[in-house]
Amino acid sequence: MSAACKRIMVIHAVAARAASVKLLKEATA
């Protein structure tokens, strides 16, 4: 696996986690 591919996967994971946290905050608000 190339470094660029790994970086994309990490960024995607962080973005997905941030999105889920945002959805949870909106749902509980």
C-alpha atoms as a PDB file:
ATOM      1  CA  MET A   1       0.000   0.000   0.000  1.00  0.00           C
ATOM      2  CA  SER A   2       1.401   3.387  -0.960  1.00  0.00           C
ATOM      3  CA  ALA A   3       1.818   6.253   1.481  1.00  0.00           C
ATOM      4  CA  ALA A   4      -0.707   8.384  -0.411  1.00  0.00           C
ATOM      5  CA  CYS A   5      -3.320   5.641  -0.172  1.00  0.00           C
ATOM      6  CA  LYS A   6      -2.696   5.299   3.555  1.00  0.00           C
ATOM      7  CA  ARG A   7      -3.016   9.046   4.014  1.00  0.00           C
ATOM      8  CA  ILE A   8      -6.338   9.074   2.139  1.00  0.00           C
ATOM      9  CA  MET A   9      -7.630   6.248   4.344  1.00  0.00           C
ATOM     10  CA  VAL A  10      -6.610   8.100   7.514  1.00  0.00           C
ATOM     11  CA  ILE A  11      -8.221  11.354   6.366  1.00  0.00           C
ATOM     12  CA  HIS A  12     -11.395   9.474   5.410  1.00  0.00           C
ATOM     13  CA  ALA A  13     -11.554   7.770   8.811  1.00  0.00           C
ATOM     14  CA  VAL A  14     -11.089  11.067  10.654  1.00  0.00           C
ATOM     15  CA  ALA A  15     -13.726  12.777   8.504  1.00  0.00           C
ATOM     16  CA  ALA A  16     -16.196   9.928   9.038  1.00  0.00           C
ATOM     17  CA  ARG A  17     -15.647  10.065  12.808  1.00  0.00           C
ATOM     18  CA  ALA A  18     -16.114  13.838  12.853  1.00  0.00           C
ATOM     19  CA  ALA A  19     -19.321  13.498  10.823  1.00  0.00           C
ATOM     20  CA  SER A  20     -20.725  10.854  13.178  1.00  0.00           C
ATOM     21  CA  VAL A  21     -19.915  13.021  16.205  1.00  0.00           C
ATOM     22  CA  LYS A  22     -21.640  15.974  14.544  1.00  0.00           C
ATOM     23  CA  LEU A  23     -24.722  13.862  13.810  1.00  0.00           C
ATOM     24  CA  LEU A  24     -24.824  12.630  17.412  1.00  0.00           C
ATOM     25  CA  LYS A  25     -24.615  16.190  18.738  1.00  0.00           C
ATOM     26  CA  GLU A  26     -27.431  17.316  16.420  1.00  0.00           C
ATOM     27  CA  ALA A  27     -29.565  14.319  17.434  1.00  0.00           C
ATOM     28  CA  THR A  28     -29.141  14.983  21.159  1.00  0.00           C
ATOM     29  CA  ALA A  29     -29.526  18.761  20.865  1.00  0.00           C
END
